[in-house]
């Protein structure tokens, strides 16, 4: 491996402008993570219009800092209020909040900061070596491979998404439908515009993301504002002692490796990684009953895993052009706005951006741990700001950002429509992330699928000549069918066990009926013998009398 581009990447990050925006991104991300409900995807979507006039490397470095800064920021409210600022911090709340109730809130936040730094660093080192290999392998991809990979990515996101698989598939189908609105890139015909010329160029990604994530979160949180919230807990000494670090070493090491690999998978991400890490640590623990009551391993493992996953999720985005989660979908949009097409060519055509973003994560994680501990007290004060004050300010930023996209009020209307749609989806249990991901991948899927048909001259059977495409399609079929097979097997096992129970009850009834019939026949025989004896004049035998006590 040639390390010259890696070293040049550090030179890019340490330029004053890039370094400054790296710090700003981490700080904004931490603040956003502390505010329950908003999250990095919504924040990045809201701030996208601000990046139009920035250099591409500077803009992506700042947005990346917001992402992994928000992952840690969500830990603060999870520990102090049991209100995860970010979905991946929901698992941290299971043991972080009980630790706070015991007067160990500072210890939980401190180990969370250390675990976040280590998990992120493990993933960045692995990303440095793995990403170029994946990019080189992806150079073999043509339109059929990209079509199959995109289709698999959409299905994986829908399968691993929050909520039921059916609802996730419905959301993904809506995203694909919105992706084909506008002018056909191959024929030039208008599709699904309803005669509206504003839709002739199709729907823009930024207002959709700002509506589904930003405005929808504002509306949803305002609906919940009447709910009573617990007061923040007083923070004690922050740094954990040697015994705590020794106890957390194993979970941190396992969480870093686990989070890195799960973060690469489409739909895996920080939330799934933290859940799997928590389950693994509970299973490996000598005393699983401690979990949920303030076990420090329940904070260290998930925090390491979710930060490692957040970092490794950049691998499929930068090397394959496939966003692994909702935040990466927004990052994909940010790259496209800057005129940069993420994919296997990015490492060679734009090494400054690629290695600048990767190496900024080293610096950003270091800044994160330096700022996290002293700023915990400030973040606690932010929790006292009422949502009725924050919501109008955020809404104003959203509308201004939407208008500046193309200086049209139409984009503001798109934000409002998709904001209401996103709110209704959250209210009725639909995860909006598959919709956004399918929208991003929809045009990529359509273009590559139609190019593939042109390559094959309409003969779909020629896909058998491309082994990579066949492999990806086989995985797609397995992911689609296996859950159904497992449900059928589980249903049959349940039916069989029910039949066994019914059969057992029937057998008991039959045996009891047989015993009753036998007793009745025996009683009848006895009565017949007594009657015959009486008729013949024979004295009846009486049972011996019981002796008096």
Protein backbone atom coordinates (compact mmCIF):
# COMPACT_ATOMS: atom_id res chain seq x y z
CA UNK A 1 0.00 0.00 0.00
CA UNK A 2 1.26 3.50 -0.92
CA UNK A 3 1.18 5.70 2.18
CA UNK A 4 2.04 8.92 0.34
CA UNK A 5 -1.65 9.85 -0.23
CA UNK A 6 -2.39 9.07 3.44
CA UNK A 7 0.31 11.52 4.58
CA UNK A 8 -0.94 14.13 2.11
CA UNK A 9 -4.40 13.62 3.61
CA UNK A 10 -3.09 14.78 7.00
CA UNK A 11 -1.66 17.87 5.31
CA UNK A 12 -5.14 18.61 3.94
CA UNK A 13 -6.79 18.23 7.36
CA UNK A 14 -4.24 20.43 9.15
CA UNK A 15 -4.87 23.36 6.82
CA UNK A 16 -6.31 26.14 9.07
CA UNK A 17 -9.70 26.30 7.35
CA UNK A 18 -10.25 22.52 7.33
CA UNK A 19 -9.02 22.13 10.90
CA UNK A 20 -11.35 24.91 12.09
CA UNK A 21 -14.42 23.38 10.42
CA UNK A 22 -13.49 19.95 11.79
CA UNK A 23 -13.69 21.44 15.32
CA UNK A 24 -16.95 23.24 14.45
CA UNK A 25 -18.46 20.03 13.09
CA UNK A 26 -17.59 18.03 16.21
CA UNK A 27 -18.96 20.76 18.51
CA UNK A 28 -22.20 21.14 16.54
CA UNK A 29 -22.59 17.36 16.45
CA UNK A 30 -22.15 17.04 20.20
CA UNK A 31 -24.73 19.78 20.84
CA UNK A 32 -27.18 18.19 18.38
CA UNK A 33 -26.63 14.80 19.99
CA UNK A 34 -27.51 16.28 23.37
CA UNK A 35 -30.82 17.66 22.06
CA UNK A 36 -33.23 14.69 22.07
CA UNK A 37 -34.92 13.88 18.78
CA UNK A 38 -33.05 15.96 16.17
CA UNK A 39 -30.16 13.63 15.31
CA UNK A 40 -27.26 13.91 12.82
CA UNK A 41 -29.26 13.10 9.67
CA UNK A 42 -31.69 15.97 10.30
CA UNK A 43 -28.90 18.36 11.26
CA UNK A 44 -26.79 17.59 8.20
CA UNK A 45 -29.86 17.92 5.99
CA UNK A 46 -30.69 21.31 7.52
CA UNK A 47 -27.11 22.57 7.10
CA UNK A 48 -26.65 21.33 3.52
CA UNK A 49 -27.52 24.70 1.94
CA UNK A 50 -24.76 26.33 4.02
CA UNK A 51 -22.15 24.14 2.32
CA UNK A 52 -22.86 25.40 -1.21
CA UNK A 53 -20.19 28.11 -1.06
CA UNK A 54 -17.62 25.98 0.79
CA UNK A 55 -14.78 23.96 -0.62
CA UNK A 56 -15.81 20.29 -1.08
CA UNK A 57 -13.17 18.90 1.32
CA UNK A 58 -14.02 21.49 4.00
CA UNK A 59 -17.76 20.84 3.70
CA UNK A 60 -17.51 17.04 3.95
CA UNK A 61 -15.02 17.24 6.85
CA UNK A 62 -17.46 19.44 8.78
CA UNK A 63 -20.47 17.21 8.03
CA UNK A 64 -18.50 14.09 9.03
CA UNK A 65 -17.58 15.78 12.32
CA UNK A 66 -21.26 16.48 12.95
CA UNK A 67 -22.03 12.80 12.42
CA UNK A 68 -19.61 11.18 14.86
CA UNK A 69 -19.90 14.12 17.29
CA UNK A 70 -23.66 13.54 17.51
CA UNK A 71 -23.14 9.84 18.19
CA UNK A 72 -21.33 10.70 21.43
CA UNK A 73 -23.59 13.67 22.27
CA UNK A 74 -26.56 11.33 22.50
CA UNK A 75 -24.85 9.61 25.43
CA UNK A 76 -25.23 12.69 27.67
CA UNK A 77 -29.04 12.71 27.69
CA UNK A 78 -29.16 8.91 27.75
CA UNK A 79 -27.20 8.87 31.03
CA UNK A 80 -28.64 11.99 32.68
CA UNK A 81 -32.27 11.89 31.57
CA UNK A 82 -32.80 8.44 30.05
CA UNK A 83 -33.68 10.33 26.86
CA UNK A 84 -31.34 9.21 24.08
CA UNK A 85 -30.41 12.19 21.91
CA UNK A 86 -29.54 9.70 19.16
CA UNK A 87 -31.19 6.31 18.51
CA UNK A 88 -27.90 4.44 18.90
CA UNK A 89 -27.66 5.78 22.49
CA UNK A 90 -30.92 4.09 23.52
CA UNK A 91 -28.97 0.97 24.54
CA UNK A 92 -26.54 3.10 26.59
CA UNK A 93 -29.47 4.38 28.64
CA UNK A 94 -30.23 0.86 29.89
CA UNK A 95 -27.19 0.90 32.21
CA UNK A 96 -26.01 4.52 31.95
CA UNK A 97 -29.11 5.94 33.60
CA UNK A 98 -29.05 3.46 36.54
CA UNK A 99 -25.38 4.39 37.04
CA UNK A 100 -26.47 8.03 37.23
CA UNK A 101 -29.14 7.12 39.78
CA UNK A 102 -26.37 5.58 41.89
CA UNK A 103 -24.33 8.79 41.74
CA UNK A 104 -22.00 7.48 39.00
CA UNK A 105 -23.20 9.68 36.11
CA UNK A 106 -19.75 11.19 35.64
CA UNK A 107 -18.16 7.77 35.49
CA UNK A 108 -20.68 6.63 32.86
CA UNK A 109 -20.09 9.74 30.73
CA UNK A 110 -16.32 9.43 31.12
CA UNK A 111 -16.18 5.78 30.07
CA UNK A 112 -18.55 6.65 27.22
CA UNK A 113 -16.13 9.31 25.94
CA UNK A 114 -13.13 6.97 26.20
CA UNK A 115 -15.00 4.09 24.55
CA UNK A 116 -16.19 6.39 21.75
CA UNK A 117 -12.62 7.53 21.08
CA UNK A 118 -11.22 4.00 21.05
CA UNK A 119 -14.05 2.61 18.90
CA UNK A 120 -13.71 5.42 16.38
CA UNK A 121 -9.92 5.05 16.25
CA UNK A 122 -10.09 1.27 15.69
CA UNK A 123 -12.53 1.80 12.81
CA UNK A 124 -10.45 4.60 11.24
CA UNK A 125 -7.29 2.48 11.25
CA UNK A 126 -9.19 -0.41 9.68
CA UNK A 127 -10.82 1.96 7.19
CA UNK A 128 -7.39 3.24 6.10
CA UNK A 129 -6.32 -0.25 5.05
CA UNK A 130 -9.65 -1.77 3.95
CA UNK A 131 -11.20 1.06 1.90
CA UNK A 132 -8.58 1.08 -0.93
CA UNK A 133 -8.88 -2.72 -1.26
CA UNK A 134 -12.68 -2.52 -1.56
CA UNK A 135 -12.36 0.35 -4.04
CA UNK A 136 -9.94 -1.69 -6.18
CA UNK A 137 -12.29 -4.66 -6.12
CA UNK A 138 -15.24 -2.43 -7.03
CA UNK A 139 -13.49 -1.28 -10.21
CA UNK A 140 -14.64 -4.58 -11.74
CA UNK A 141 -18.24 -3.44 -11.33
CA UNK A 142 -20.32 -2.60 -14.38
CA UNK A 143 -23.99 -1.54 -14.71
CA UNK A 144 -25.35 -5.06 -13.91
CA UNK A 145 -23.24 -5.30 -10.73
CA UNK A 146 -24.24 -1.83 -9.57
CA UNK A 147 -27.91 -2.55 -10.28
CA UNK A 148 -27.76 -5.77 -8.21
CA UNK A 149 -25.77 -4.11 -5.40
CA UNK A 150 -28.19 -1.16 -5.24
CA UNK A 151 -31.17 -3.51 -5.13
CA UNK A 152 -29.53 -5.51 -2.34
CA UNK A 153 -28.76 -2.32 -0.42
CA UNK A 154 -32.38 -1.17 -0.53
CA UNK A 155 -33.61 -4.56 0.66
CA UNK A 156 -31.05 -4.80 3.49
CA UNK A 157 -32.00 -1.35 4.77
CA UNK A 158 -35.68 -2.30 4.66
CA UNK A 159 -34.99 -5.64 6.37
CA UNK A 160 -32.81 -4.33 9.21
CA UNK A 161 -34.77 -1.11 9.64
CA UNK A 162 -36.72 -0.16 12.78
CA UNK A 163 -40.31 -1.41 12.80
CA UNK A 164 -41.82 -4.24 10.82
CA UNK A 165 -40.35 -5.40 7.53
CA UNK A 166 -43.63 -4.76 5.70
CA UNK A 167 -43.72 -1.10 6.78
CA UNK A 168 -40.06 -0.66 5.85
CA UNK A 169 -40.70 -2.13 2.39
CA UNK A 170 -43.67 0.21 1.93
CA UNK A 171 -41.46 3.18 2.86
CA UNK A 172 -38.75 2.00 0.44
CA UNK A 173 -41.35 1.60 -2.34
CA UNK A 174 -42.49 5.19 -1.74
CA UNK A 175 -38.88 6.33 -2.04
CA UNK A 176 -38.47 4.51 -5.36
CA UNK A 177 -41.70 6.07 -6.62
CA UNK A 178 -40.54 9.59 -5.74
CA UNK A 179 -37.19 8.90 -7.44
CA UNK A 180 -38.82 8.45 -10.88
CA UNK A 181 -40.77 11.72 -10.76
CA UNK A 182 -39.65 14.11 -13.50
CA UNK A 183 -38.03 13.76 -16.89
CA UNK A 184 -36.86 10.33 -18.08
CA UNK A 185 -33.09 10.49 -18.54
CA UNK A 186 -33.22 8.08 -21.53
CA UNK A 187 -36.33 9.18 -23.45
CA UNK A 188 -36.93 12.71 -22.16
CA UNK A 189 -40.59 12.01 -21.35
CA UNK A 190 -42.22 13.50 -18.25
CA UNK A 191 -43.36 11.06 -15.57
CA UNK A 192 -45.73 11.59 -12.60
CA UNK A 193 -45.59 15.38 -12.82
CA UNK A 194 -49.39 15.90 -13.01
CA UNK A 195 -48.76 18.72 -15.47
CA UNK A 196 -46.68 20.70 -12.96
CA UNK A 197 -43.62 22.19 -14.66
CA UNK A 198 -41.91 22.61 -11.28
CA UNK A 199 -41.60 18.81 -11.16
CA UNK A 200 -40.15 18.43 -14.65
CA UNK A 201 -36.61 18.25 -13.25
CA UNK A 202 -37.70 15.81 -10.55
CA UNK A 203 -37.72 16.14 -6.78
CA UNK A 204 -34.54 17.43 -5.13
CA UNK A 205 -32.90 15.37 -2.40
CA UNK A 206 -32.15 18.22 0.03
CA UNK A 207 -35.76 19.43 0.62
CA UNK A 208 -36.95 15.83 0.97
CA UNK A 209 -34.27 15.11 3.59
CA UNK A 210 -34.96 18.40 5.38
CA UNK A 211 -38.67 17.59 5.48
CA UNK A 212 -38.58 13.90 6.39
CA UNK A 213 -35.86 14.28 9.02
CA UNK A 214 -35.83 17.93 10.12
CA UNK A 215 -39.42 19.20 10.01
CA UNK A 216 -40.92 15.79 10.88
CA UNK A 217 -38.75 15.56 14.02
CA UNK A 218 -39.80 19.07 15.07
CA UNK A 219 -43.49 18.26 14.68
CA UNK A 220 -43.14 14.89 16.42
CA UNK A 221 -41.21 16.35 19.38
CA UNK A 222 -43.65 19.25 19.77
CA UNK A 223 -46.45 16.71 20.08
CA UNK A 224 -44.55 15.05 22.92
CA UNK A 225 -43.62 18.30 24.71
CA UNK A 226 -46.42 17.95 27.27
CA UNK A 227 -44.87 14.77 28.64
CA UNK A 228 -43.10 15.28 31.96
CA UNK A 229 -39.33 14.98 31.70
CA UNK A 230 -37.07 14.01 34.60
CA UNK A 231 -34.68 16.63 35.92
CA UNK A 232 -30.99 16.20 35.04
CA UNK A 233 -28.86 14.38 37.56
CA UNK A 234 -25.92 16.08 39.23
CA UNK A 235 -22.67 15.04 37.56
CA UNK A 236 -19.92 13.81 39.87
CA UNK A 237 -16.28 12.94 39.10
CA UNK A 238 -15.99 12.19 35.39
CA UNK A 239 -12.84 10.11 34.94
CA UNK A 240 -13.22 6.36 35.67
CA UNK A 241 -10.63 4.65 37.89
CA UNK A 242 -8.27 1.80 37.01
CA UNK A 243 -10.72 -0.89 38.12
CA UNK A 244 -13.41 0.55 35.83
CA UNK A 245 -11.01 0.70 32.89
CA UNK A 246 -9.90 -2.90 33.50
CA UNK A 247 -13.51 -4.04 33.68
CA UNK A 248 -14.34 -2.19 30.44
CA UNK A 249 -11.27 -3.29 28.43
CA UNK A 250 -12.86 -6.48 27.06
CA UNK A 251 -16.19 -4.88 26.05
CA UNK A 252 -14.34 -2.00 24.37
CA UNK A 253 -12.12 -4.36 22.33
CA UNK A 254 -15.04 -6.56 21.26
CA UNK A 255 -17.30 -3.59 20.57
CA UNK A 256 -14.71 -1.95 18.30
CA UNK A 257 -14.30 -5.01 16.08
CA UNK A 258 -18.01 -5.81 16.04
CA UNK A 259 -19.04 -2.24 15.26
CA UNK A 260 -16.57 -1.93 12.39
CA UNK A 261 -17.93 -4.97 10.53
CA UNK A 262 -21.61 -4.24 11.21
CA UNK A 263 -21.17 -0.61 10.15
CA UNK A 264 -20.09 -1.68 6.66
CA UNK A 265 -23.36 -3.54 6.06
CA UNK A 266 -26.21 -1.51 4.54
CA UNK A 267 -28.77 -0.92 7.26
CA UNK A 268 -26.40 -2.06 10.02
CA UNK A 269 -25.14 1.21 11.39
CA UNK A 270 -24.61 2.43 14.92
CA UNK A 271 -27.97 1.37 16.38
CA UNK A 272 -27.77 -2.28 15.34
CA UNK A 273 -24.10 -2.44 16.42
CA UNK A 274 -24.84 -1.12 19.91
CA UNK A 275 -27.72 -3.58 20.33
CA UNK A 276 -25.62 -6.57 19.25
CA UNK A 277 -22.71 -5.46 21.46
CA UNK A 278 -24.98 -5.13 24.51
CA UNK A 279 -26.47 -8.57 23.92
CA UNK A 280 -23.02 -10.12 23.51
CA UNK A 281 -21.65 -8.55 26.69
CA UNK A 282 -24.68 -9.67 28.67
CA UNK A 283 -24.26 -13.20 27.36
CA UNK A 284 -20.53 -13.28 28.16
CA UNK A 285 -20.94 -11.79 31.63
CA UNK A 286 -20.49 -14.00 34.68
CA UNK A 287 -23.39 -12.16 36.31
CA UNK A 288 -25.91 -11.14 33.62
CA UNK A 289 -28.34 -9.91 36.28
CA UNK A 290 -26.14 -6.82 36.75
CA UNK A 291 -27.12 -5.55 33.31
CA UNK A 292 -29.92 -3.04 33.39
CA UNK A 293 -28.98 -2.08 36.95
CA UNK A 294 -25.81 -0.06 36.28
CA UNK A 295 -23.20 -2.39 34.74
CA UNK A 296 -20.34 -0.34 33.32
CA UNK A 297 -19.82 -2.97 30.57
CA UNK A 298 -23.33 -2.09 29.34
CA UNK A 299 -22.06 1.43 28.62
CA UNK A 300 -18.53 0.67 27.38
CA UNK A 301 -19.42 -2.02 24.80
CA UNK A 302 -22.32 -0.28 23.02
CA UNK A 303 -20.57 3.11 23.02
CA UNK A 304 -17.48 1.59 21.37
CA UNK A 305 -19.59 -0.33 18.85
CA UNK A 306 -21.78 2.59 17.75
CA UNK A 307 -18.80 4.92 17.17
CA UNK A 308 -16.89 2.23 15.28
CA UNK A 309 -19.95 1.58 13.12
CA UNK A 310 -20.46 5.29 12.49
CA UNK A 311 -16.93 5.52 11.11
CA UNK A 312 -16.93 2.30 9.08
CA UNK A 313 -20.25 3.27 7.43
CA UNK A 314 -18.17 5.70 5.32
CA UNK A 315 -16.56 2.71 3.55
CA UNK A 316 -19.51 1.68 1.33
CA UNK A 317 -20.31 5.36 0.68
CA UNK A 318 -16.83 6.42 -0.43
CA UNK A 319 -15.76 3.20 -2.19
CA UNK A 320 -19.00 1.87 -3.69
CA UNK A 321 -21.22 4.93 -3.78
CA UNK A 322 -23.80 3.08 -1.65
CA UNK A 323 -25.00 4.86 1.54
CA UNK A 324 -25.25 2.39 4.43
CA UNK A 325 -27.75 4.39 6.51
CA UNK A 326 -29.89 7.53 6.50
CA UNK A 327 -27.06 9.85 7.55
CA UNK A 328 -24.82 8.47 4.83
CA UNK A 329 -27.65 9.09 2.35
CA UNK A 330 -27.58 12.76 3.32
CA UNK A 331 -23.77 12.73 3.00
CA UNK A 332 -24.23 11.21 -0.45
CA UNK A 333 -26.42 14.18 -1.34
CA UNK A 334 -23.79 16.58 0.02
CA UNK A 335 -21.12 15.01 -2.21
CA UNK A 336 -23.37 15.20 -5.27
CA UNK A 337 -24.11 18.86 -4.53
CA UNK A 338 -20.36 19.52 -4.56
CA UNK A 339 -20.10 17.82 -7.94
CA UNK A 340 -18.35 14.72 -6.57
CA UNK A 341 -19.56 11.23 -7.48
CA UNK A 342 -18.69 8.80 -4.67
CA UNK A 343 -17.53 5.39 -5.85
CA UNK A 344 -14.48 3.27 -6.63
CA UNK A 345 -12.94 6.03 -8.79
CA UNK A 346 -12.91 8.51 -5.88
CA UNK A 347 -9.67 7.17 -4.39
CA UNK A 348 -7.79 7.82 -7.66
CA UNK A 349 -9.60 10.85 -9.09
CA UNK A 350 -9.94 12.83 -5.85
CA UNK A 351 -7.42 11.50 -3.30
CA UNK A 352 -7.32 14.83 -1.43
CA UNK A 353 -11.00 14.55 -0.58
CA UNK A 354 -10.90 10.82 0.17
CA UNK A 355 -7.88 10.84 2.47
CA UNK A 356 -8.73 14.28 3.82
CA UNK A 357 -12.10 13.03 5.07
CA UNK A 358 -10.65 9.75 6.40
CA UNK A 359 -7.78 11.46 8.25
CA UNK A 360 -10.06 14.18 9.58
CA UNK A 361 -11.68 11.45 11.66
CA UNK A 362 -8.38 10.86 13.50
CA UNK A 363 -8.24 14.55 14.39
CA UNK A 364 -11.98 14.76 15.03
CA UNK A 365 -11.99 11.85 17.48
CA UNK A 366 -9.07 13.38 19.35
CA UNK A 367 -10.92 16.71 19.55
CA UNK A 368 -14.02 14.82 20.67
CA UNK A 369 -12.38 13.29 23.73
CA UNK A 370 -10.57 16.54 24.60
CA UNK A 371 -13.80 18.58 24.51
CA UNK A 372 -16.27 15.98 25.76
CA UNK A 373 -15.24 15.81 29.40
CA UNK A 374 -14.91 19.54 30.25
CA UNK A 375 -18.06 20.47 28.28
CA UNK A 376 -20.36 17.97 29.99
CA UNK A 377 -21.54 20.64 32.45
CA UNK A 378 -22.42 23.00 29.58
CA UNK A 379 -24.35 20.29 27.75
CA UNK A 380 -26.38 19.63 30.89
CA UNK A 381 -27.48 23.30 30.88
CA UNK A 382 -28.66 22.97 27.25
CA UNK A 383 -31.12 20.35 28.43
CA UNK A 384 -33.05 23.06 30.30
CA UNK A 385 -33.87 24.99 27.08
CA UNK A 386 -37.55 24.51 26.26
CA UNK A 387 -38.54 22.82 23.01
CA UNK A 388 -40.98 25.68 22.33
CA UNK A 389 -37.94 27.97 21.94
CA UNK A 390 -35.72 25.57 19.97
CA UNK A 391 -38.43 24.42 17.54
CA UNK A 392 -39.23 27.84 15.95
CA UNK A 393 -35.52 28.62 15.52
CA UNK A 394 -34.90 25.26 13.84
CA UNK A 395 -37.99 25.67 11.66
CA UNK A 396 -36.79 29.09 10.49
CA UNK A 397 -33.39 27.62 9.54
CA UNK A 398 -35.11 24.79 7.65
CA UNK A 399 -37.31 27.14 5.59
CA UNK A 400 -34.44 29.52 4.83
CA UNK A 401 -32.22 26.64 3.78
CA UNK A 402 -34.93 25.18 1.54
CA UNK A 403 -35.49 28.52 -0.20
CA UNK A 404 -31.79 29.06 -0.88
CA UNK A 405 -31.51 25.75 -2.76
CA UNK A 406 -32.89 27.28 -5.97
CA UNK A 407 -34.49 30.55 -4.76
CA UNK A 408 -37.95 29.05 -5.28
CA UNK A 409 -40.84 28.86 -2.83
CA UNK A 410 -41.65 25.47 -4.38
CA UNK A 411 -38.77 23.87 -2.44
CA UNK A 412 -40.24 25.19 0.81
CA UNK A 413 -43.55 23.56 -0.12
CA UNK A 414 -41.72 20.27 -0.77
CA UNK A 415 -40.17 20.50 2.70
CA UNK A 416 -43.60 21.08 4.27
CA UNK A 417 -45.24 18.21 2.35
CA UNK A 418 -42.49 15.74 3.19
CA UNK A 419 -42.32 17.06 6.75
CA UNK A 420 -45.99 16.19 7.25
CA UNK A 421 -45.42 12.84 5.52
CA UNK A 422 -42.43 12.07 7.76
CA UNK A 423 -44.41 13.04 10.86
CA UNK A 424 -47.28 10.73 9.91
CA UNK A 425 -44.82 7.92 9.18
CA UNK A 426 -43.21 8.26 12.62
CA UNK A 427 -46.62 8.49 14.29
CA UNK A 428 -47.85 5.27 12.68
CA UNK A 429 -44.62 3.29 13.13
CA UNK A 430 -43.03 3.72 9.69
CA UNK A 431 -39.28 4.33 9.72
CA UNK A 432 -38.56 7.21 7.26
CA UNK A 433 -34.94 6.11 6.66
CA UNK A 434 -35.81 3.47 3.98
CA UNK A 435 -37.76 6.13 2.06
CA UNK A 436 -34.75 8.47 1.90
CA UNK A 437 -32.29 5.69 1.09
CA UNK A 438 -34.52 4.28 -1.64
CA UNK A 439 -34.94 7.77 -3.09
CA UNK A 440 -31.15 8.24 -3.22
CA UNK A 441 -30.56 4.80 -4.71
CA UNK A 442 -33.62 4.82 -6.99
CA UNK A 443 -32.09 6.81 -9.84
CA UNK A 444 -28.88 4.78 -9.55
CA UNK A 445 -30.89 1.55 -9.70
CA UNK A 446 -32.97 2.66 -12.69
CA UNK A 447 -30.02 3.99 -14.73
CA UNK A 448 -27.86 0.90 -14.21
CA UNK A 449 -30.73 -1.51 -14.76
CA UNK A 450 -31.64 0.08 -18.09
CA UNK A 451 -27.98 0.23 -19.14
CA UNK A 452 -27.72 -3.45 -18.29
CA UNK A 453 -30.71 -4.24 -20.52
CA UNK A 454 -29.07 -2.29 -23.33
CA UNK A 455 -25.81 -4.23 -22.78
CA UNK A 456 -27.68 -7.54 -22.85
CA UNK A 457 -29.86 -6.38 -25.77
CA UNK A 458 -32.94 -7.26 -23.75
CA UNK A 459 -31.76 -10.82 -23.03
CA UNK A 460 -31.91 -11.06 -19.23
CA UNK A 461 -30.49 -14.61 -19.30
CA UNK A 462 -27.08 -13.15 -20.15
CA UNK A 463 -26.74 -12.17 -16.51
CA UNK A 464 -25.42 -15.72 -16.02
CA UNK A 465 -22.23 -14.56 -17.74
CA UNK A 466 -21.42 -12.20 -14.83
CA UNK A 467 -20.57 -14.13 -11.63
CA UNK A 468 -20.47 -11.07 -9.34
CA UNK A 469 -23.99 -10.08 -10.40
CA UNK A 470 -25.23 -13.64 -9.88
CA UNK A 471 -23.70 -13.72 -6.40
CA UNK A 472 -25.31 -10.42 -5.41
CA UNK A 473 -28.69 -11.50 -6.77
CA UNK A 474 -28.42 -14.81 -4.89
CA UNK A 475 -27.79 -12.91 -1.66
CA UNK A 476 -30.79 -10.70 -2.49
CA UNK A 477 -33.04 -13.76 -2.87
CA UNK A 478 -31.74 -15.27 0.38
CA UNK A 479 -32.33 -12.06 2.33
CA UNK A 480 -35.84 -11.86 0.88
CA UNK A 481 -36.81 -15.52 1.44
CA UNK A 482 -35.06 -16.51 4.69
CA UNK A 483 -37.26 -14.39 7.02
CA UNK A 484 -40.36 -15.91 5.40
CA UNK A 485 -38.92 -19.44 5.79
CA UNK A 486 -38.12 -18.80 9.46
CA UNK A 487 -41.65 -17.53 10.07
CA UNK A 488 -43.19 -20.58 8.37
CA UNK A 489 -40.98 -22.95 10.38
CA UNK A 490 -41.80 -21.15 13.62
CA UNK A 491 -45.50 -21.20 12.77
CA UNK A 492 -45.40 -24.94 12.03
CA UNK A 493 -43.51 -25.64 15.25
CA UNK A 494 -46.14 -23.68 17.12
CA UNK A 495 -48.91 -25.59 15.36
CA UNK A 496 -47.21 -28.93 16.06
CA UNK A 497 -46.78 -28.10 19.73
CA UNK A 498 -50.45 -27.08 19.86
CA UNK A 499 -51.47 -30.36 18.24
CA UNK A 500 -49.35 -32.23 20.78
CA UNK A 501 -51.09 -30.45 23.61
CA UNK A 502 -54.53 -31.15 22.11
CA UNK A 503 -53.56 -34.78 21.48
CA UNK A 504 -52.34 -35.09 25.07
CA UNK A 505 -55.59 -33.67 26.40
CA UNK A 506 -57.58 -36.02 24.13
CA UNK A 507 -55.56 -39.01 25.36
CA UNK A 508 -56.20 -38.03 28.96
CA UNK A 509 -59.91 -37.67 28.24
CA UNK A 510 -60.01 -41.07 26.51
CA UNK A 511 -58.17 -42.76 29.39
CA UNK A 512 -60.44 -41.13 31.94
CA UNK A 513 -63.48 -42.23 29.93
CA UNK A 514 -62.10 -45.79 29.77
CA UNK A 515 -61.52 -45.79 33.54
CA UNK A 516 -65.05 -44.50 34.09
CA UNK A 517 -66.49 -47.21 31.80
CA UNK A 518 -64.51 -49.91 33.61
CA UNK A 519 -65.68 -48.72 37.00
CA UNK A 520 -69.25 -48.59 35.75
CA UNK A 521 -69.08 -52.15 34.35
CA UNK A 522 -67.51 -53.41 37.56
CA UNK A 523 -70.24 -51.72 39.60
CA UNK A 524 -72.93 -53.28 37.33
CA UNK A 525 -71.44 -56.76 37.70
CA UNK A 526 -71.40 -56.40 41.47
CA UNK A 527 -75.04 -55.32 41.52
CA UNK A 528 -76.04 -58.31 39.31
CA UNK A 529 -74.24 -60.75 41.63
CA UNK A 530 -75.98 -59.26 44.67
CA UNK A 531 -79.36 -59.48 42.98
CA UNK A 532 -78.76 -63.13 42.02
CA UNK A 533 -77.68 -64.02 45.54
CA UNK A 534 -80.80 -62.42 47.00
CA UNK A 535 -83.04 -64.34 44.61
CA UNK A 536 -81.42 -67.68 45.52
CA UNK A 537 -81.76 -67.00 49.25
CA UNK A 538 -78.04 -66.93 49.91
CA UNK A 539 -76.98 -64.54 52.61
CA UNK A 540 -75.15 -61.52 51.28
CA UNK A 541 -71.60 -60.99 52.38
CA UNK A 542 -71.16 -57.80 54.26
CA UNK A 543 -67.89 -56.02 54.51
CA UNK A 544 -66.22 -56.46 57.88
CA UNK A 545 -67.13 -53.74 60.35
CA UNK A 546 -64.40 -51.33 61.37
CA UNK A 547 -63.30 -51.86 64.96
CA UNK A 548 -64.19 -49.13 67.41
CA UNK A 549 -61.31 -47.07 68.59
